[in-house]
Amino acid sequence: MRKKSLAKTIHTLTIGEYSLYHRTANIKHLKRFWWCPNWLVDVSDLVNEIDAELGGGTNEKLQKEKHKLNSQYKIQKLIVLYQALVNTLVHETQVNIWRKEIGKPIKESKNSKTYIDDLYDTCQIKIKSIDDLKRIISEIERRVDKFKEYFTDKPVENGLTFDELMMGYLSASNQQIGTSYNMKMSHFISLKKDIDKQVLKNG
């Protein structure tokens, strides 16, 4: 069973060790004890903590992805409700024609009312005529166009490596690159936050 205590913390891990981990993907650089086998060490919490601190914009990306999925869901829901309503109305019309032909009273289906109510809750369009169905089609097209415009796929840009990020912030703080590899990760994170605040303050 893996033990998280066998991994270093941001207060004991140096930026030099984390740099080596990023370049080699070998977790031996994140272990508290050199003699401890890699498979026994769980470094996930440590890596996640560091990535969260240094990631920059991660929350924004997650929010955008959540918005994208939510938009897709709403469009799909609107399409399904529209198709269900049209199919139900066509079926009801045919059934009522038959009922009229055999002298039975015309019945109004509860399904169509349910779809009409759901459509109104989804896009605030109340179906009372054929023109309202056309408005639903226009609304679907509008949402699809807006989705394509907002979520147009763009070339994926490679993010900064840890070394590039590290050297950038060390240079910005006038630190000597070669002698800073023993800086603790917690110190580097604080340094990064201070520089980010200064940049934000100065515009």
C-alpha atoms as a PDB file:
ATOM      1  CA  MET A   1       0.000   0.000   0.000  1.00  0.00           C
ATOM      2  CA  ARG A   2       1.337   3.411  -0.983  1.00  0.00           C
ATOM      3  CA  LYS A   3       2.010   5.951   1.734  1.00  0.00           C
ATOM      4  CA  LYS A   4       1.783   9.644   0.966  1.00  0.00           C
ATOM      5  CA  SER A   5       4.173  10.410   3.835  1.00  0.00           C
ATOM      6  CA  LEU A   6       6.996   8.915   1.786  1.00  0.00           C
ATOM      7  CA  ALA A   7       6.824  11.817  -0.675  1.00  0.00           C
ATOM      8  CA  LYS A   8       8.391  15.177  -0.005  1.00  0.00           C
ATOM      9  CA  THR A   9       6.329  18.310   0.579  1.00  0.00           C
ATOM     10  CA  ILE A  10       6.579  21.749  -1.002  1.00  0.00           C
ATOM     11  CA  HIS A  11       8.582  22.742   2.089  1.00  0.00           C
ATOM     12  CA  THR A  12      11.237  20.052   1.616  1.00  0.00           C
ATOM     13  CA  LEU A  13      11.278  19.660  -2.177  1.00  0.00           C
ATOM     14  CA  THR A  14      13.686  21.913  -4.084  1.00  0.00           C
ATOM     15  CA  ILE A  15      12.944  23.463  -7.460  1.00  0.00           C
ATOM     16  CA  GLY A  16      15.997  21.640  -8.821  1.00  0.00           C
ATOM     17  CA  GLU A  17      14.532  18.300  -7.812  1.00  0.00           C
ATOM     18  CA  TYR A  18      11.175  19.185  -9.317  1.00  0.00           C
ATOM     19  CA  SER A  19      12.908  20.239 -12.513  1.00  0.00           C
ATOM     20  CA  LEU A  20      14.602  16.835 -12.706  1.00  0.00           C
ATOM     21  CA  TYR A  21      11.270  15.117 -12.121  1.00  0.00           C
ATOM     22  CA  HIS A  22       9.679  17.071 -14.973  1.00  0.00           C
ATOM     23  CA  ARG A  23      12.504  16.233 -17.342  1.00  0.00           C
ATOM     24  CA  THR A  24      12.815  12.549 -16.479  1.00  0.00           C
ATOM     25  CA  ALA A  25       9.328  11.627 -15.134  1.00  0.00           C
ATOM     26  CA  ASN A  26      11.188   9.686 -12.432  1.00  0.00           C
ATOM     27  CA  ILE A  27       9.529  10.072  -9.056  1.00  0.00           C
ATOM     28  CA  LYS A  28      12.764   9.268  -7.245  1.00  0.00           C
ATOM     29  CA  HIS A  29      13.363  13.018  -7.213  1.00  0.00           C
ATOM     30  CA  LEU A  30      10.189  13.527  -5.152  1.00  0.00           C
ATOM     31  CA  LYS A  31      10.849  10.825  -2.535  1.00  0.00           C
ATOM     32  CA  ARG A  32      11.750  11.570   1.054  1.00  0.00           C
ATOM     33  CA  PHE A  33      14.066   8.556   1.253  1.00  0.00           C
ATOM     34  CA  TRP A  34      16.362   7.466  -1.597  1.00  0.00           C
ATOM     35  CA  TRP A  35      16.187   3.802  -0.518  1.00  0.00           C
ATOM     36  CA  CYS A  36      12.392   3.682  -0.745  1.00  0.00           C
ATOM     37  CA  PRO A  37      11.125   1.899  -3.902  1.00  0.00           C
ATOM     38  CA  ASN A  38       9.230   4.148  -6.322  1.00  0.00           C
ATOM     39  CA  TRP A  39       6.111   1.988  -6.372  1.00  0.00           C
ATOM     40  CA  LEU A  40       5.671   2.557  -2.632  1.00  0.00           C
ATOM     41  CA  VAL A  41       5.531   6.334  -2.959  1.00  0.00           C
ATOM     42  CA  ASP A  42       2.364   8.236  -3.872  1.00  0.00           C
ATOM     43  CA  VAL A  43       3.368  11.655  -5.204  1.00  0.00           C
ATOM     44  CA  SER A  44      -0.021  12.577  -6.708  1.00  0.00           C
ATOM     45  CA  ASP A  45      -1.020  15.036  -3.967  1.00  0.00           C
ATOM     46  CA  LEU A  46       2.356  16.751  -4.131  1.00  0.00           C
ATOM     47  CA  VAL A  47       2.306  17.115  -7.926  1.00  0.00           C
ATOM     48  CA  ASN A  48      -1.329  18.263  -7.932  1.00  0.00           C
ATOM     49  CA  GLU A  49      -0.596  20.855  -5.270  1.00  0.00           C
ATOM     50  CA  ILE A  50       2.368  22.246  -7.188  1.00  0.00           C
ATOM     51  CA  ASP A  51       0.535  22.243 -10.528  1.00  0.00           C
ATOM     52  CA  ALA A  52      -2.415  24.041  -8.923  1.00  0.00           C
ATOM     53  CA  GLU A  53      -0.087  26.699  -7.523  1.00  0.00           C
ATOM     54  CA  LEU A  54       1.928  27.164 -10.713  1.00  0.00           C
ATOM     55  CA  GLY A  55      -0.651  26.299 -13.368  1.00  0.00           C
ATOM     56  CA  GLY A  56      -2.119  29.743 -13.864  1.00  0.00           C
ATOM     57  CA  GLY A  57      -5.486  29.819 -15.633  1.00  0.00           C
ATOM     58  CA  THR A  58      -6.374  26.236 -14.774  1.00  0.00           C
ATOM     59  CA  ASN A  59      -9.626  27.263 -13.121  1.00  0.00           C
ATOM     60  CA  GLU A  60     -10.527  29.427 -16.110  1.00  0.00           C
ATOM     61  CA  LYS A  61      -9.960  26.503 -18.485  1.00  0.00           C
ATOM     62  CA  LEU A  62     -12.097  24.226 -16.352  1.00  0.00           C
ATOM     63  CA  GLN A  63     -14.882  26.806 -16.252  1.00  0.00           C
ATOM     64  CA  LYS A  64     -14.759  27.179 -20.030  1.00  0.00           C
ATOM     65  CA  GLU A  65     -14.931  23.409 -20.486  1.00  0.00           C
ATOM     66  CA  LYS A  66     -17.873  23.259 -18.086  1.00  0.00           C
ATOM     67  CA  HIS A  67     -19.591  26.034 -20.049  1.00  0.00           C
ATOM     68  CA  LYS A  68     -18.928  24.158 -23.302  1.00  0.00           C
ATOM     69  CA  LEU A  69     -20.455  20.927 -22.000  1.00  0.00           C
ATOM     70  CA  ASN A  70     -23.435  22.794 -20.564  1.00  0.00           C
ATOM     71  CA  SER A  71     -24.035  24.558 -23.886  1.00  0.00           C
ATOM     72  CA  GLN A  72     -23.836  21.268 -25.774  1.00  0.00           C
ATOM     73  CA  TYR A  73     -26.342  19.724 -23.393  1.00  0.00           C
ATOM     74  CA  LYS A  74     -28.827  22.581 -23.825  1.00  0.00           C
ATOM     75  CA  ILE A  75     -28.593  22.444 -27.616  1.00  0.00           C
ATOM     76  CA  GLN A  76     -29.076  18.683 -27.651  1.00  0.00           C
ATOM     77  CA  LYS A  77     -31.993  18.956 -25.239  1.00  0.00           C
ATOM     78  CA  LEU A  78     -33.660  21.566 -27.443  1.00  0.00           C
ATOM     79  CA  ILE A  79     -33.211  19.397 -30.559  1.00  0.00           C
ATOM     80  CA  VAL A  80     -34.587  16.292 -28.823  1.00  0.00           C
ATOM     81  CA  LEU A  81     -37.616  18.165 -27.426  1.00  0.00           C
ATOM     82  CA  TYR A  82     -38.361  19.736 -30.805  1.00  0.00           C
ATOM     83  CA  GLN A  83     -38.142  16.400 -32.624  1.00  0.00           C
ATOM     84  CA  ALA A  84     -40.245  14.680 -29.952  1.00  0.00           C
ATOM     85  CA  LEU A  85     -42.921  17.362 -30.172  1.00  0.00           C
ATOM     86  CA  VAL A  86     -43.067  17.264 -33.981  1.00  0.00           C
ATOM     87  CA  ASN A  87     -43.283  13.457 -33.985  1.00  0.00           C
ATOM     88  CA  THR A  88     -45.990  13.556 -31.334  1.00  0.00           C
ATOM     89  CA  LEU A  89     -48.022  16.187 -33.203  1.00  0.00           C
ATOM     90  CA  VAL A  90     -47.781  14.228 -36.457  1.00  0.00           C
ATOM     91  CA  HIS A  91     -48.829  11.048 -34.672  1.00  0.00           C
ATOM     92  CA  GLU A  92     -51.677  12.801 -32.842  1.00  0.00           C
ATOM     93  CA  THR A  93     -52.932  14.348 -36.063  1.00  0.00           C
ATOM     94  CA  GLN A  94     -52.980  10.976 -37.821  1.00  0.00           C
ATOM     95  CA  VAL A  95     -54.670   9.264 -34.873  1.00  0.00           C
ATOM     96  CA  ASN A  96     -57.317  11.989 -34.611  1.00  0.00           C
ATOM     97  CA  ILE A  97     -58.032  11.708 -38.342  1.00  0.00           C
ATOM     98  CA  TRP A  98     -58.684   8.011 -37.845  1.00  0.00           C
ATOM     99  CA  ARG A  99     -60.783   8.651 -34.743  1.00  0.00           C
ATOM    100  CA  LYS A 100     -62.882  11.186 -36.637  1.00  0.00           C
ATOM    101  CA  GLU A 101     -63.382   8.749 -39.505  1.00  0.00           C
ATOM    102  CA  ILE A 102     -64.754   6.085 -37.157  1.00  0.00           C
ATOM    103  CA  GLY A 103     -66.849   8.537 -35.164  1.00  0.00           C
ATOM    104  CA  LYS A 104     -64.694   8.683 -32.025  1.00  0.00           C
ATOM    105  CA  PRO A 105     -64.047  11.968 -30.164  1.00  0.00           C
ATOM    106  CA  ILE A 106     -60.724  13.717 -30.809  1.00  0.00           C
ATOM    107  CA  LYS A 107     -58.303  13.356 -27.911  1.00  0.00           C
ATOM    108  CA  GLU A 108     -55.488  15.694 -26.911  1.00  0.00           C
ATOM    109  CA  SER A 109     -52.311  13.907 -25.859  1.00  0.00           C
ATOM    110  CA  LYS A 110     -50.614  14.793 -22.582  1.00  0.00           C
ATOM    111  CA  ASN A 111     -47.231  14.165 -24.232  1.00  0.00           C
ATOM    112  CA  SER A 112     -47.435  17.194 -26.505  1.00  0.00           C
ATOM    113  CA  LYS A 113     -48.298  19.449 -23.550  1.00  0.00           C
ATOM    114  CA  THR A 114     -45.301  18.085 -21.642  1.00  0.00           C
ATOM    115  CA  TYR A 115     -42.958  18.788 -24.578  1.00  0.00           C
ATOM    116  CA  ILE A 116     -44.437  22.259 -25.076  1.00  0.00           C
ATOM    117  CA  ASP A 117     -43.908  23.074 -21.399  1.00  0.00           C
ATOM    118  CA  ASP A 118     -40.339  21.688 -21.473  1.00  0.00           C
ATOM    119  CA  LEU A 119     -39.525  23.721 -24.579  1.00  0.00           C
ATOM    120  CA  TYR A 120     -40.809  26.855 -22.928  1.00  0.00           C
ATOM    121  CA  ASP A 121     -38.661  26.176 -19.841  1.00  0.00           C
ATOM    122  CA  THR A 122     -35.643  25.622 -22.084  1.00  0.00           C
ATOM    123  CA  CYS A 123     -35.916  28.564 -24.497  1.00  0.00           C
ATOM    124  CA  GLN A 124     -38.947  30.635 -23.373  1.00  0.00           C
ATOM    125  CA  ILE A 125     -40.838  30.026 -26.620  1.00  0.00           C
ATOM    126  CA  LYS A 126     -44.479  29.040 -26.206  1.00  0.00           C
ATOM    127  CA  ILE A 127     -45.722  26.758 -28.970  1.00  0.00           C
ATOM    128  CA  LYS A 128     -49.136  27.894 -30.198  1.00  0.00           C
ATOM    129  CA  SER A 129     -48.765  27.664 -33.963  1.00  0.00           C
ATOM    130  CA  ILE A 130     -46.565  26.436 -36.824  1.00  0.00           C
ATOM    131  CA  ASP A 131     -44.745  29.774 -36.725  1.00  0.00           C
ATOM    132  CA  ASP A 132     -43.670  29.006 -33.163  1.00  0.00           C
ATOM    133  CA  LEU A 133     -42.142  25.728 -34.337  1.00  0.00           C
ATOM    134  CA  LYS A 134     -40.175  27.729 -36.900  1.00  0.00           C
ATOM    135  CA  ARG A 135     -38.973  29.954 -34.060  1.00  0.00           C
ATOM    136  CA  ILE A 136     -37.648  26.852 -32.296  1.00  0.00           C
ATOM    137  CA  ILE A 137     -35.664  25.908 -35.411  1.00  0.00           C
ATOM    138  CA  SER A 138     -34.246  29.434 -35.596  1.00  0.00           C
ATOM    139  CA  GLU A 139     -33.336  29.277 -31.901  1.00  0.00           C
ATOM    140  CA  ILE A 140     -31.507  25.984 -32.386  1.00  0.00           C
ATOM    141  CA  GLU A 141     -29.583  27.414 -35.348  1.00  0.00           C
ATOM    142  CA  ARG A 142     -28.731  30.545 -33.349  1.00  0.00           C
ATOM    143  CA  ARG A 143     -27.382  28.513 -30.455  1.00  0.00           C
ATOM    144  CA  VAL A 144     -25.371  26.222 -32.730  1.00  0.00           C
ATOM    145  CA  ASP A 145     -23.820  29.235 -34.506  1.00  0.00           C
ATOM    146  CA  LYS A 146     -23.020  30.886 -31.186  1.00  0.00           C
ATOM    147  CA  PHE A 147     -21.475  27.654 -29.916  1.00  0.00           C
ATOM    148  CA  LYS A 148     -19.259  27.342 -33.006  1.00  0.00           C
ATOM    149  CA  GLU A 149     -18.197  30.974 -32.708  1.00  0.00           C
ATOM    150  CA  TYR A 150     -17.353  30.776 -29.015  1.00  0.00           C
ATOM    151  CA  PHE A 151     -15.788  27.323 -28.944  1.00  0.00           C
ATOM    152  CA  THR A 152     -14.032  27.330 -32.317  1.00  0.00           C
ATOM    153  CA  ASP A 153     -11.136  24.922 -32.111  1.00  0.00           C
ATOM    154  CA  LYS A 154      -7.823  26.758 -32.072  1.00  0.00           C
ATOM    155  CA  PRO A 155      -4.337  25.339 -32.496  1.00  0.00           C
ATOM    156  CA  VAL A 156      -3.168  23.949 -29.166  1.00  0.00           C
ATOM    157  CA  GLU A 157      -0.261  25.965 -27.874  1.00  0.00           C
ATOM    158  CA  ASN A 158       2.337  24.133 -25.845  1.00  0.00           C
ATOM    159  CA  GLY A 159       2.456  25.476 -22.324  1.00  0.00           C
ATOM    160  CA  LEU A 160       5.643  26.524 -20.606  1.00  0.00           C
ATOM    161  CA  THR A 161       7.819  23.767 -19.238  1.00  0.00           C
ATOM    162  CA  PHE A 162       8.632  23.984 -15.546  1.00  0.00           C
ATOM    163  CA  ASP A 163      12.213  24.956 -16.396  1.00  0.00           C
ATOM    164  CA  GLU A 164      11.008  27.849 -18.580  1.00  0.00           C
ATOM    165  CA  LEU A 165       8.615  28.985 -15.879  1.00  0.00           C
ATOM    166  CA  MET A 166      11.273  28.650 -13.201  1.00  0.00           C
ATOM    167  CA  MET A 167      13.942  30.567 -15.129  1.00  0.00           C
ATOM    168  CA  GLY A 168      11.470  33.288 -16.036  1.00  0.00           C
ATOM    169  CA  TYR A 169      10.509  33.987 -12.442  1.00  0.00           C
ATOM    170  CA  LEU A 170      14.051  33.648 -11.112  1.00  0.00           C
ATOM    171  CA  SER A 171      15.242  36.142 -13.717  1.00  0.00           C
ATOM    172  CA  ALA A 172      12.376  38.511 -12.912  1.00  0.00           C
ATOM    173  CA  SER A 173      13.397  38.444  -9.243  1.00  0.00           C
ATOM    174  CA  ASN A 174      17.103  38.893 -10.082  1.00  0.00           C
ATOM    175  CA  GLN A 175      17.964  35.461  -8.660  1.00  0.00           C
ATOM    176  CA  GLN A 176      21.056  33.650  -9.813  1.00  0.00           C
ATOM    177  CA  ILE A 177      19.790  30.682 -11.844  1.00  0.00           C
ATOM    178  CA  GLY A 178      22.689  28.367 -11.079  1.00  0.00           C
ATOM    179  CA  THR A 179      22.632  28.887  -7.331  1.00  0.00           C
ATOM    180  CA  SER A 180      18.854  28.792  -6.933  1.00  0.00           C
ATOM    181  CA  TYR A 181      18.233  25.104  -7.599  1.00  0.00           C
ATOM    182  CA  ASN A 182      18.228  24.425  -3.851  1.00  0.00           C
ATOM    183  CA  MET A 183      15.375  26.876  -3.310  1.00  0.00           C
ATOM    184  CA  LYS A 184      12.429  25.151  -1.663  1.00  0.00           C
ATOM    185  CA  MET A 185       9.284  24.859  -3.755  1.00  0.00           C
ATOM    186  CA  SER A 186       7.243  26.707  -1.126  1.00  0.00           C
ATOM    187  CA  HIS A 187       9.662  29.642  -1.401  1.00  0.00           C
ATOM    188  CA  PHE A 188       9.452  29.613  -5.193  1.00  0.00           C
ATOM    189  CA  ILE A 189       5.635  29.561  -5.082  1.00  0.00           C
ATOM    190  CA  SER A 190       5.658  32.600  -2.760  1.00  0.00           C
ATOM    191  CA  LEU A 191       8.138  34.341  -5.038  1.00  0.00           C
ATOM    192  CA  LYS A 192       5.923  33.672  -8.072  1.00  0.00           C
ATOM    193  CA  LYS A 193       2.846  35.030  -6.296  1.00  0.00           C
ATOM    194  CA  ASP A 194       4.705  38.195  -5.283  1.00  0.00           C
ATOM    195  CA  ILE A 195       5.867  38.802  -8.865  1.00  0.00           C
ATOM    196  CA  ASP A 196       2.382  38.124 -10.266  1.00  0.00           C
ATOM    197  CA  LYS A 197       0.903  40.650  -7.828  1.00  0.00           C
ATOM    198  CA  GLN A 198       3.518  43.209  -8.792  1.00  0.00           C
ATOM    199  CA  VAL A 199       2.843  42.692 -12.515  1.00  0.00           C
ATOM    200  CA  LEU A 200      -0.911  42.979 -11.914  1.00  0.00           C
ATOM    201  CA  LYS A 201      -0.411  46.142  -9.872  1.00  0.00           C
ATOM    202  CA  ASN A 202       1.738  47.781 -12.524  1.00  0.00           C
ATOM    203  CA  GLY A 203      -0.647  46.722 -15.314  1.00  0.00           C
END
